[in-house]
Amino acid sequence: MSTPPYLPSQQSATRQALLAQLGFRFGINGPHAARTMMLDDIRRLLDHMAASADTADYAQAIKTQNVLGKPSQKARDLAWRHLHGLYGLSHDNPLFRLMRTLWPLSDAAQPQLALAMAMARDPLLRDTQALILDQAIGTFLPRTALEHELAHRYPDRFSTASLKSFAQNIAGTWTAAGFLLGHTRKHRAQPALTPEALVLLLLMAYLEGRSGPRLFTSLWLAPYQVGPDALAALAQTASQRGLLVFMNAGGVQEIRFPGALTPAEDAIRQELIHVL
C-alpha cells in the first residue's frame, strides 16, 4: 500500500494521530506564531545538558537555572514552551532521541537537524516549504510572499499583523537553516545536505511507513535538491560512521535504523503502513 507523501492535510486523521505518537505535530498553529526555530537557544541548551537529560531536566535548566540567559521569569517560561513545542525535548520522542544523538557530531549539521525537527513539529513552517522550493537560487523573496502563502493556506484565520509576524519568524528559520540569505532582503540559497541531517530526514520518512529507495523520495528531503546518486553516497558515508545501516547492491537498496525505535514505536509504524 502506498504511503501518502507528506504530513499536512494529505494525511488522514487516523494517520495524524499515529504520527503524533511518533513525535510529529499537526494543527493550524505552531511555535512560529511567536518565534523562529530558536537555533541559538537550542544550541546553548543542548551544549549545556547531558545527553541523558530528560524533560524535567530541560525544564529546570531553562526555567529555574536560566541557562539561556533570559531577562525575566516570563521569558524563561516562554522559551521553555516554544523549545518544547519545536523539539519535544523528551526521550519518549524518537525524532528528538535521534536528533540528540546526532547533534554533537557536526556543528554544520545542527541548523539542518533543527530545521528537520521544526518541520516535523510546526505546520506553519511546513506549509511554506513549497513556496521556498519554487524560488530559483538567488531569487529575492519578499516577506509579503510568505504572508500571502499563509493567508492562502489559512483563509480568514489570521490578522494582517499576525501574518506579518509569522512570516518574519518563518523567514528567520529558513535563513538560519541556509535556504535564505540576507538580513532585510532575503534571497534563495541552497545549503549542502550533511550526512547527519540525512539520517534524521530518512528516519522521518521511515516513520511514515516508507522503506527502501522510497525513503529517498520523501518530501522531507526535497529542500536539499540532491540527486539519487549523491543521496546514496551520503547514506553510505553515514553507514560507514555507524549512524544507520545502508546496503546498496544489485540495484536493491535497504536502509535500517538499529535501535532507533522501541518495540511500541515500531508497532505504530507498522500500523501506519496499512492506514491511508
Protein backbone atom coordinates (compact mmCIF):
# COMPACT_ATOMS: atom_id res chain seq x y z
CA MET A 1 0.00 0.00 0.00
CA SER A 2 1.45 3.37 -0.95
CA THR A 3 2.18 5.92 1.72
CA PRO A 4 0.86 9.49 1.39
CA PRO A 5 3.78 11.73 0.55
CA TYR A 6 3.68 14.36 3.24
CA LEU A 7 2.38 15.26 6.63
CA PRO A 8 -0.12 18.13 6.43
CA SER A 9 -3.63 17.92 5.03
CA GLN A 10 -2.96 14.94 2.74
CA GLN A 11 -2.82 12.70 5.81
CA SER A 12 -6.00 11.25 7.28
CA ALA A 13 -6.95 11.94 10.88
CA THR A 14 -6.03 8.36 11.75
CA ARG A 15 -2.54 8.71 10.28
CA GLN A 16 -2.06 12.04 12.01
CA ALA A 17 -2.98 10.51 15.35
CA LEU A 18 -0.49 7.69 14.85
CA LEU A 19 2.25 10.02 13.63
CA ALA A 20 1.65 12.27 16.63
CA GLN A 21 2.60 9.31 18.82
CA LEU A 22 5.93 9.24 16.98
CA GLY A 23 6.75 12.89 17.59
CA PHE A 24 5.09 14.77 14.71
CA ARG A 25 2.65 17.63 15.32
CA PHE A 26 -0.36 18.95 13.41
CA GLY A 27 -2.95 21.71 13.56
CA ILE A 28 -3.24 25.26 12.24
CA ASN A 29 -0.77 26.92 14.58
CA GLY A 30 2.70 26.35 15.94
CA PRO A 31 5.75 27.88 17.60
CA HIS A 32 6.49 30.03 14.54
CA ALA A 33 3.49 32.12 15.51
CA ALA A 34 5.83 33.56 18.16
CA ARG A 35 9.42 32.52 17.42
CA THR A 36 11.87 31.27 14.82
CA MET A 37 13.28 27.76 15.31
CA MET A 38 15.45 29.33 18.05
CA LEU A 39 18.71 27.87 16.75
CA ASP A 40 20.95 29.78 19.17
CA ASP A 41 18.82 28.75 22.13
CA ILE A 42 18.65 25.06 21.25
CA ARG A 43 22.42 25.05 20.66
CA ARG A 44 23.07 26.61 24.05
CA LEU A 45 20.63 24.26 25.76
CA LEU A 46 21.99 21.05 24.25
CA ASP A 47 25.58 22.15 24.81
CA HIS A 48 24.72 22.61 28.50
CA MET A 49 22.74 19.40 29.05
CA ALA A 50 23.91 15.83 29.32
CA ALA A 51 22.72 13.51 26.57
CA SER A 52 20.81 11.53 29.21
CA ALA A 53 18.77 14.56 30.34
CA ASP A 54 15.01 14.08 30.46
CA THR A 55 12.15 16.52 30.00
CA ALA A 56 12.16 17.61 33.64
CA ASP A 57 15.90 18.34 33.44
CA TYR A 58 15.40 20.56 30.39
CA ALA A 59 12.53 22.40 32.05
CA GLN A 60 14.57 23.03 35.19
CA ALA A 61 17.59 24.21 33.19
CA ILE A 62 15.51 26.73 31.25
CA LYS A 63 13.01 27.91 33.84
CA THR A 64 14.96 27.65 37.11
CA GLN A 65 18.67 27.71 36.24
CA ASN A 66 18.15 30.15 33.33
CA VAL A 67 20.87 28.55 31.21
CA LEU A 68 19.58 30.54 28.23
CA GLY A 69 20.15 33.86 30.00
CA LYS A 70 16.61 35.17 29.65
CA PRO A 71 15.84 38.53 31.32
CA SER A 72 12.69 37.52 33.24
CA GLN A 73 10.76 34.52 34.50
CA LYS A 74 8.12 35.10 31.85
CA ALA A 75 10.80 34.99 29.15
CA ARG A 76 12.15 31.75 30.62
CA ASP A 77 8.69 30.19 30.68
CA LEU A 78 8.05 31.21 27.08
CA ALA A 79 11.43 29.87 25.98
CA TRP A 80 10.58 26.53 27.56
CA ARG A 81 7.16 26.48 25.93
CA HIS A 82 8.45 27.20 22.45
CA LEU A 83 11.54 24.95 22.62
CA HIS A 84 9.42 22.11 23.97
CA GLY A 85 6.94 22.66 21.16
CA LEU A 86 9.62 22.74 18.48
CA TYR A 87 11.85 19.89 19.63
CA GLY A 88 9.88 17.74 22.05
CA LEU A 89 12.81 17.60 24.50
CA SER A 90 11.80 14.08 25.50
CA HIS A 91 13.44 10.73 25.03
CA ASP A 92 9.94 9.35 24.50
CA ASN A 93 10.06 11.13 21.13
CA PRO A 94 12.07 9.06 18.60
CA LEU A 95 12.76 12.15 16.48
CA PHE A 96 14.29 14.02 19.40
CA ARG A 97 16.23 10.95 20.56
CA LEU A 98 17.93 10.67 17.19
CA MET A 99 18.48 14.41 16.87
CA ARG A 100 20.08 14.43 20.33
CA THR A 101 22.45 11.63 19.28
CA LEU A 102 23.40 13.34 16.04
CA TRP A 103 23.65 16.88 17.41
CA PRO A 104 27.23 16.86 18.80
CA LEU A 105 28.67 15.11 15.75
CA SER A 106 28.73 18.14 13.44
CA ASP A 107 28.27 21.87 14.01
CA ALA A 108 27.47 22.26 10.30
CA ALA A 109 24.61 19.75 10.59
CA GLN A 110 22.93 21.46 13.55
CA PRO A 111 20.89 24.02 11.56
CA GLN A 112 19.63 21.21 9.31
CA LEU A 113 18.79 18.96 12.27
CA ALA A 114 16.93 21.83 13.92
CA LEU A 115 15.03 22.57 10.70
CA ALA A 116 14.04 18.91 10.32
CA MET A 117 12.58 18.87 13.84
CA ALA A 118 10.81 22.20 13.33
CA MET A 119 9.32 20.97 10.05
CA ALA A 120 8.07 17.80 11.73
CA ARG A 121 6.51 19.72 14.58
CA ASP A 122 5.26 23.05 13.23
CA PRO A 123 2.59 23.11 10.49
CA LEU A 124 3.07 26.85 9.92
CA LEU A 125 6.66 26.25 8.87
CA ARG A 126 5.84 23.09 6.89
CA ASP A 127 3.27 24.93 4.84
CA THR A 128 5.88 27.33 3.46
CA GLN A 129 8.23 24.67 2.08
CA ALA A 130 6.61 24.63 -1.37
CA LEU A 131 7.00 28.41 -1.69
CA ILE A 132 10.69 28.24 -0.75
CA LEU A 133 11.34 25.43 -3.23
CA ASP A 134 9.58 27.32 -6.01
CA GLN A 135 12.18 30.08 -5.85
CA ALA A 136 15.22 29.85 -8.13
CA ILE A 137 18.59 30.13 -6.41
CA GLY A 138 19.42 33.81 -5.96
CA THR A 139 15.81 34.97 -6.32
CA PHE A 140 14.64 37.72 -3.98
CA LEU A 141 11.85 36.53 -1.70
CA PRO A 142 9.87 39.34 -0.05
CA ARG A 143 8.27 38.76 3.32
CA THR A 144 4.90 39.52 1.75
CA ALA A 145 5.20 36.36 -0.36
CA LEU A 146 5.28 34.31 2.84
CA GLU A 147 2.33 36.30 4.20
CA HIS A 148 0.31 35.58 1.06
CA GLU A 149 1.19 31.89 1.21
CA LEU A 150 -0.04 31.59 4.78
CA ALA A 151 -3.15 33.66 4.04
CA HIS A 152 -3.92 31.35 1.11
CA ARG A 153 -3.50 28.20 3.22
CA TYR A 154 -5.38 29.57 6.22
CA PRO A 155 -8.01 31.92 4.75
CA ASP A 156 -9.59 34.36 7.20
CA ARG A 157 -7.85 32.72 10.20
CA PHE A 158 -5.12 35.27 10.95
CA SER A 159 -4.98 39.04 11.14
CA THR A 160 -2.70 41.10 8.90
CA ALA A 161 -0.42 41.80 11.87
CA SER A 162 -0.23 38.11 12.75
CA LEU A 163 0.63 37.13 9.19
CA LYS A 164 3.45 39.68 9.16
CA SER A 165 4.85 38.33 12.44
CA PHE A 166 4.53 34.71 11.32
CA ALA A 167 6.27 35.48 8.02
CA GLN A 168 9.16 37.21 9.79
CA ASN A 169 9.67 34.24 12.09
CA ILE A 170 9.45 31.72 9.27
CA ALA A 171 11.88 33.71 7.12
CA GLY A 172 14.24 33.77 10.09
CA THR A 173 14.16 29.98 10.33
CA TRP A 174 14.75 29.41 6.62
CA THR A 175 17.63 31.89 6.88
CA ALA A 176 19.17 30.17 9.91
CA ALA A 177 18.97 26.86 8.01
CA GLY A 178 20.77 28.34 5.00
CA PHE A 179 17.89 28.39 2.49
CA LEU A 180 17.66 32.18 2.52
CA LEU A 181 20.46 34.73 2.72
CA GLY A 182 20.34 38.36 3.75
CA HIS A 183 19.15 40.42 6.68
CA THR A 184 16.33 42.58 5.37
CA ARG A 185 16.30 41.41 1.75
CA LYS A 186 16.13 37.61 1.60
CA HIS A 187 17.46 35.70 -1.39
CA ARG A 188 17.09 31.99 -2.05
CA ALA A 189 20.19 29.90 -1.31
CA GLN A 190 20.96 26.19 -1.28
CA PRO A 191 22.85 24.58 1.61
CA ALA A 192 24.67 21.28 1.12
CA LEU A 193 22.98 18.38 2.88
CA THR A 194 25.06 16.81 5.66
CA PRO A 195 25.15 13.05 6.40
CA GLU A 196 23.85 13.68 9.93
CA ALA A 197 20.80 15.57 8.69
CA LEU A 198 20.17 12.92 6.07
CA VAL A 199 19.90 10.28 8.78
CA LEU A 200 17.20 12.21 10.65
CA LEU A 201 15.29 13.03 7.44
CA LEU A 202 15.38 9.37 6.40
CA LEU A 203 14.05 8.32 9.80
CA MET A 204 11.20 10.79 9.41
CA ALA A 205 10.30 9.15 6.09
CA TYR A 206 10.72 5.69 7.65
CA LEU A 207 8.28 6.57 10.43
CA GLU A 208 5.72 7.49 7.78
CA GLY A 209 5.89 3.88 6.61
CA ARG A 210 8.37 4.19 3.75
CA SER A 211 11.20 1.76 3.15
CA GLY A 212 14.00 1.01 0.66
CA PRO A 213 14.53 3.53 -2.14
CA ARG A 214 11.22 5.26 -1.34
CA LEU A 215 12.95 6.76 1.70
CA PHE A 216 14.97 8.89 -0.70
CA THR A 217 11.87 10.30 -2.42
CA SER A 218 10.20 11.70 0.68
CA LEU A 219 9.34 15.39 0.55
CA TRP A 220 11.31 15.80 3.77
CA LEU A 221 14.41 15.62 1.56
CA ALA A 222 13.04 17.87 -1.19
CA PRO A 223 14.53 21.14 0.09
CA TYR A 224 18.07 19.89 -0.48
CA GLN A 225 17.60 19.05 -4.17
CA VAL A 226 20.08 16.17 -4.06
CA GLY A 227 20.06 13.52 -6.80
CA PRO A 228 19.75 9.79 -6.10
CA ASP A 229 23.44 9.01 -6.61
CA ALA A 230 24.54 11.78 -4.25
CA LEU A 231 21.96 10.69 -1.67
CA ALA A 232 23.25 7.13 -1.87
CA ALA A 233 26.81 8.41 -1.37
CA LEU A 234 25.75 10.41 1.69
CA ALA A 235 23.89 7.39 3.07
CA GLN A 236 26.99 5.28 2.53
CA THR A 237 29.04 7.81 4.47
CA ALA A 238 26.50 7.74 7.30
CA SER A 239 26.55 3.94 7.26
CA GLN A 240 30.34 3.84 7.47
CA ARG A 241 30.12 6.07 10.52
CA GLY A 242 27.58 3.76 12.17
CA LEU A 243 24.69 6.23 12.01
CA LEU A 244 22.44 3.82 10.10
CA VAL A 245 22.74 0.64 8.04
CA PHE A 246 22.73 1.16 4.28
CA MET A 247 23.04 -1.69 1.81
CA ASN A 248 23.14 -0.93 -1.90
CA ALA A 249 23.84 -3.84 -4.21
CA GLY A 250 22.43 -5.10 -7.48
CA GLY A 251 20.02 -2.19 -7.71
CA VAL A 252 18.47 -3.07 -4.34
CA GLN A 253 18.69 -0.54 -1.52
CA GLU A 254 17.95 -1.27 2.11
CA ILE A 255 18.15 1.16 5.00
CA ARG A 256 17.79 0.23 8.64
CA PHE A 257 17.95 2.19 11.88
CA PRO A 258 19.14 -0.30 14.53
CA GLY A 259 17.99 0.67 18.00
CA ALA A 260 16.25 3.84 16.83
CA LEU A 261 12.73 2.69 17.76
CA THR A 262 11.26 0.95 20.76
CA PRO A 263 9.06 -2.11 20.09
CA ALA A 264 5.98 0.03 20.77
CA GLU A 265 7.12 2.69 18.30
CA ASP A 266 7.87 0.09 15.67
CA ALA A 267 4.36 -1.33 16.15
CA ILE A 268 2.90 2.13 15.47
CA ARG A 269 4.99 2.39 12.32
CA GLN A 270 3.75 -1.00 11.15
CA GLU A 271 0.19 0.18 11.67
CA LEU A 272 0.89 3.31 9.63
CA ILE A 273 1.94 1.19 6.64
CA HIS A 274 -1.64 -0.05 6.38
CA VAL A 275 -3.51 3.18 7.13
CA LEU A 276 -4.27 5.75 4.45
